[in-house]
Amino acid sequence: MRAATGLTLTLALLGSAPAPAQAPEATKATKPAAKPKAAAPKAELVDATTVIPDLVLDLRYATKDNFLKRQVYPDGARCLLLPDSAKRLARAADALRPQGYRLKVYDCYRPRAVQYEMWKILPKPGYVANPRKGSNHNRGGAVDLTLVTKDGAEVEMPTPFDDFTPAAHHGYSGGTPASREHREVLRKAMEGAGFLRNKMEWWHYDLPGATKLPVLDVPFTPAG
């Protein structure tokens, strides 16, 4: 009986012992967890008057005095630009002051929401950029401007702002000698500061590489 009892006890102990660990399965190749996409960096826009104190503002789309004949910018709209654009514009202003001129801006940054409103009014490429693609104004990388005297008086240019005739082209050889001279003074200052001219519009200058920058939709006016 003792042998039987011992056998029974041994079996009981074996039954209660933990089961031997199974050989682990071959580790399956798994793809590493996808990293969440980093949020696009928030573009900081600079109020150009903070870096060019004597800048003259004449934001035409904040009035009805423009080719659309409608006010599409809110009252209180500012000349906002990317920091690089503002820095280059300040350089151009510095070059012009000793010559007796100041800069007057017609248009700077333009929110994409406004671009959609302009497209509704005039959906015509060449006059208004398609908001799906956006323009360099929507990126803070373009500025429309002219010259004024130190006292803020207008100087003659070949055409008014937003004139879409050949007379607005940089290659236009008509008009008065004074108008062509002023166009050249502005061009030299802006290109000397690193901007690129728009051959079709004497007033329009772009930041190099602006087309590769993101289209923005931040408000004109300060929050609050």
Protein backbone atom coordinates (compact mmCIF):
# COMPACT_ATOMS: atom_id res chain seq x y z
CA MET A 1 0.00 0.00 0.00
CA ARG A 2 2.92 2.22 0.81
CA ALA A 3 4.22 1.98 -2.76
CA ALA A 4 0.79 2.71 -4.13
CA THR A 5 0.44 5.62 -1.80
CA GLY A 6 3.81 7.00 -2.90
CA LEU A 7 2.88 6.64 -6.53
CA THR A 8 -0.39 8.41 -5.92
CA LEU A 9 1.39 11.25 -4.14
CA THR A 10 3.94 11.58 -6.94
CA LEU A 11 1.21 11.72 -9.56
CA ALA A 12 -0.67 14.28 -7.53
CA LEU A 13 2.40 16.46 -7.23
CA LEU A 14 3.10 16.15 -10.93
CA GLY A 15 -0.49 17.09 -11.71
CA SER A 16 -0.29 20.23 -9.62
CA ALA A 17 3.10 21.34 -10.95
CA PRO A 18 3.06 24.11 -13.52
CA ALA A 19 3.12 22.94 -17.10
CA PRO A 20 6.51 23.28 -18.76
CA ALA A 21 6.86 26.49 -20.70
CA GLN A 22 6.23 26.07 -24.40
CA ALA A 23 8.91 27.06 -26.82
CA PRO A 24 8.13 30.57 -28.01
CA GLU A 25 6.95 30.85 -31.59
CA ALA A 26 9.25 32.49 -34.05
CA THR A 27 8.80 36.22 -33.76
CA LYS A 28 6.77 37.48 -36.67
CA ALA A 29 8.21 40.40 -38.57
CA THR A 30 6.08 43.42 -37.77
CA LYS A 31 6.20 46.90 -39.17
CA PRO A 32 7.22 49.56 -36.69
CA ALA A 33 4.34 51.71 -35.52
CA ALA A 34 3.84 54.61 -37.87
CA LYS A 35 4.91 57.88 -36.34
CA PRO A 36 2.21 60.53 -36.29
CA LYS A 37 2.78 63.16 -38.92
CA ALA A 38 4.23 66.30 -37.51
CA ALA A 39 1.90 69.26 -37.71
CA ALA A 40 2.86 71.81 -40.34
CA PRO A 41 4.80 74.65 -38.75
CA LYS A 42 2.67 77.66 -38.05
CA ALA A 43 3.70 80.47 -40.32
CA GLU A 44 4.48 83.69 -38.50
CA LEU A 45 3.53 86.84 -40.33
CA VAL A 46 5.07 90.21 -39.61
CA ASP A 47 3.29 93.56 -39.71
CA ALA A 48 5.51 95.39 -42.18
CA THR A 49 4.98 98.74 -40.45
CA THR A 50 6.83 97.39 -37.41
CA VAL A 51 10.03 97.02 -39.43
CA ILE A 52 9.47 99.96 -41.81
CA PRO A 53 8.05 102.79 -39.68
CA ASP A 54 7.69 105.19 -42.63
CA LEU A 55 5.87 102.67 -44.84
CA VAL A 56 2.77 104.17 -46.46
CA LEU A 57 -0.33 101.97 -46.53
CA ASP A 58 -2.83 102.17 -49.37
CA LEU A 59 -4.38 98.70 -49.23
CA ARG A 60 -6.68 98.98 -52.22
CA TYR A 61 -8.72 95.84 -51.53
CA ALA A 62 -9.74 97.34 -48.19
CA THR A 63 -11.56 99.94 -50.31
CA LYS A 64 -13.63 99.93 -53.48
CA ASP A 65 -10.80 101.61 -55.38
CA ASN A 66 -9.62 98.46 -57.15
CA PHE A 67 -10.37 96.57 -60.35
CA LEU A 68 -13.05 94.49 -58.61
CA LYS A 69 -14.86 97.68 -57.53
CA ARG A 70 -15.61 96.01 -54.17
CA GLN A 71 -14.09 96.06 -50.72
CA VAL A 72 -12.94 92.52 -49.99
CA TYR A 73 -10.55 93.24 -47.10
CA PRO A 74 -11.90 94.24 -43.70
CA ASP A 75 -11.38 97.66 -42.17
CA GLY A 76 -8.16 97.52 -40.20
CA ALA A 77 -6.42 95.14 -42.60
CA ARG A 78 -2.65 95.22 -42.20
CA CYS A 79 0.33 94.72 -44.49
CA LEU A 80 1.41 91.29 -43.27
CA LEU A 81 4.38 89.46 -44.76
CA LEU A 82 6.59 86.49 -44.02
CA PRO A 83 9.61 87.54 -41.95
CA ASP A 84 11.93 87.07 -44.93
CA SER A 85 9.68 89.20 -47.14
CA ALA A 86 9.50 91.93 -44.49
CA LYS A 87 13.27 91.88 -44.00
CA ARG A 88 13.90 92.28 -47.71
CA LEU A 89 11.30 95.04 -47.99
CA ALA A 90 13.02 96.93 -45.17
CA ARG A 91 16.29 96.62 -47.09
CA ALA A 92 14.65 98.13 -50.18
CA ALA A 93 13.20 100.98 -48.11
CA ASP A 94 16.66 101.67 -46.65
CA ALA A 95 18.11 101.90 -50.15
CA LEU A 96 15.41 104.32 -51.32
CA ARG A 97 15.46 106.81 -48.43
CA PRO A 98 18.76 108.44 -49.44
CA GLN A 99 17.28 108.92 -52.91
CA GLY A 100 14.34 110.83 -51.47
CA TYR A 101 11.71 108.07 -51.72
CA ARG A 102 9.54 105.98 -49.45
CA LEU A 103 7.55 102.84 -50.22
CA LYS A 104 3.79 102.71 -50.47
CA VAL A 105 2.12 99.29 -50.48
CA TYR A 106 -1.07 98.40 -52.30
CA ASP A 107 -1.27 94.74 -51.29
CA CYS A 108 0.67 92.29 -49.13
CA TYR A 109 -0.51 89.03 -47.58
CA ARG A 110 -4.03 87.93 -48.55
CA PRO A 111 -5.92 85.19 -46.66
CA ARG A 112 -7.09 82.28 -48.75
CA ALA A 113 -10.68 82.92 -47.66
CA VAL A 114 -10.47 86.33 -49.34
CA GLN A 115 -9.00 84.70 -52.44
CA TYR A 116 -12.15 82.57 -52.67
CA GLU A 117 -14.30 85.70 -52.42
CA MET A 118 -12.32 87.37 -55.19
CA TRP A 119 -12.64 84.22 -57.33
CA LYS A 120 -16.42 84.32 -56.91
CA ILE A 121 -16.44 87.89 -58.19
CA LEU A 122 -14.04 87.30 -61.09
CA PRO A 123 -13.09 83.65 -61.76
CA LYS A 124 -10.61 84.57 -64.44
CA PRO A 125 -6.97 83.39 -64.21
CA GLY A 126 -4.60 86.18 -65.09
CA TYR A 127 -6.73 88.59 -63.12
CA VAL A 128 -7.47 86.53 -60.01
CA ALA A 129 -5.51 83.43 -58.97
CA ASN A 130 -7.50 80.23 -58.48
CA PRO A 131 -7.74 79.82 -54.68
CA ARG A 132 -7.24 76.07 -54.91
CA LYS A 133 -3.69 76.71 -56.02
CA GLY A 134 -3.32 80.07 -54.34
CA SER A 135 -1.08 82.99 -55.19
CA ASN A 136 2.11 84.24 -53.61
CA HIS A 137 0.01 86.87 -51.88
CA ASN A 138 -1.72 83.98 -50.07
CA ARG A 139 1.69 82.81 -48.90
CA GLY A 140 2.94 86.13 -47.54
CA GLY A 141 5.56 86.08 -50.27
CA ALA A 142 4.41 88.88 -52.58
CA VAL A 143 3.97 92.62 -52.31
CA ASP A 144 2.40 95.22 -54.62
CA LEU A 145 3.87 98.67 -54.17
CA THR A 146 5.04 101.96 -55.60
CA LEU A 147 7.17 104.95 -54.70
CA VAL A 148 6.21 108.17 -52.96
CA THR A 149 8.34 111.15 -52.00
CA LYS A 150 9.58 111.67 -48.45
CA ASP A 151 6.50 113.80 -47.90
CA GLY A 152 4.22 111.03 -49.17
CA ALA A 153 3.42 112.60 -52.53
CA GLU A 154 2.72 110.32 -55.47
CA VAL A 155 5.34 109.89 -58.17
CA GLU A 156 4.51 109.17 -61.78
CA MET A 157 4.53 105.56 -62.90
CA PRO A 158 3.73 104.15 -66.37
CA THR A 159 0.21 103.12 -65.29
CA PRO A 160 -2.02 103.12 -62.24
CA PHE A 161 -2.05 100.07 -59.96
CA ASP A 162 -3.83 96.98 -61.34
CA ASP A 163 -3.71 98.19 -64.92
CA PHE A 164 -3.65 95.08 -67.09
CA THR A 165 -2.53 96.70 -70.33
CA PRO A 166 0.91 96.26 -71.95
CA ALA A 167 1.87 99.64 -70.49
CA ALA A 168 2.16 97.91 -67.09
CA HIS A 169 4.88 95.56 -68.37
CA HIS A 170 8.47 96.15 -67.30
CA GLY A 171 9.54 96.15 -70.93
CA TYR A 172 7.16 98.97 -71.88
CA SER A 173 9.12 101.78 -73.49
CA GLY A 174 6.27 104.26 -73.81
CA GLY A 175 5.01 106.82 -71.34
CA THR A 176 7.07 109.68 -70.01
CA PRO A 177 10.77 109.47 -69.20
CA ALA A 178 9.93 110.28 -65.57
CA SER A 179 7.51 107.34 -65.29
CA ARG A 180 10.07 104.92 -66.69
CA GLU A 181 12.77 106.32 -64.43
CA HIS A 182 10.61 105.83 -61.33
CA ARG A 183 9.78 102.28 -62.40
CA GLU A 184 13.51 101.58 -62.69
CA VAL A 185 14.31 103.13 -59.32
CA LEU A 186 11.74 100.85 -57.70
CA ARG A 187 12.96 97.80 -59.62
CA LYS A 188 16.60 98.33 -58.67
CA ALA A 189 15.73 98.73 -55.00
CA MET A 190 13.50 95.66 -54.90
CA GLU A 191 15.79 93.41 -56.91
CA GLY A 192 18.73 94.70 -54.91
CA ALA A 193 16.90 93.49 -51.79
CA GLY A 194 16.45 90.04 -53.34
CA PHE A 195 12.92 90.21 -54.73
CA LEU A 196 11.89 88.97 -58.16
CA ARG A 197 9.87 91.24 -60.42
CA ASN A 198 6.68 90.24 -62.21
CA LYS A 199 7.37 91.09 -65.84
CA MET A 200 3.70 91.89 -66.49
CA GLU A 201 3.12 94.21 -63.51
CA TRP A 202 5.60 96.93 -62.55
CA TRP A 203 4.19 97.03 -58.98
CA HIS A 204 4.38 93.29 -58.17
CA TYR A 205 7.42 91.62 -56.56
CA ASP A 206 7.82 88.08 -55.25
CA LEU A 207 9.95 86.39 -52.66
CA PRO A 208 12.22 83.81 -54.37
CA GLY A 209 10.81 80.31 -53.96
CA ALA A 210 7.45 81.61 -52.75
CA THR A 211 5.47 79.15 -54.89
CA LYS A 212 6.83 76.28 -52.77
CA LEU A 213 5.58 77.81 -49.52
CA PRO A 214 2.22 76.88 -47.95
CA VAL A 215 -0.94 78.83 -48.70
CA LEU A 216 -2.11 80.54 -45.51
CA ASP A 217 -5.47 81.57 -44.12
CA VAL A 218 -4.74 83.60 -41.01
CA PRO A 219 -6.76 86.77 -40.30
CA PHE A 220 -5.61 90.27 -41.16
CA THR A 221 -6.46 91.79 -37.82
CA PRO A 222 -4.95 90.92 -34.42
CA ALA A 223 -6.84 88.37 -32.31
CA GLY A 224 -9.01 89.95 -29.68
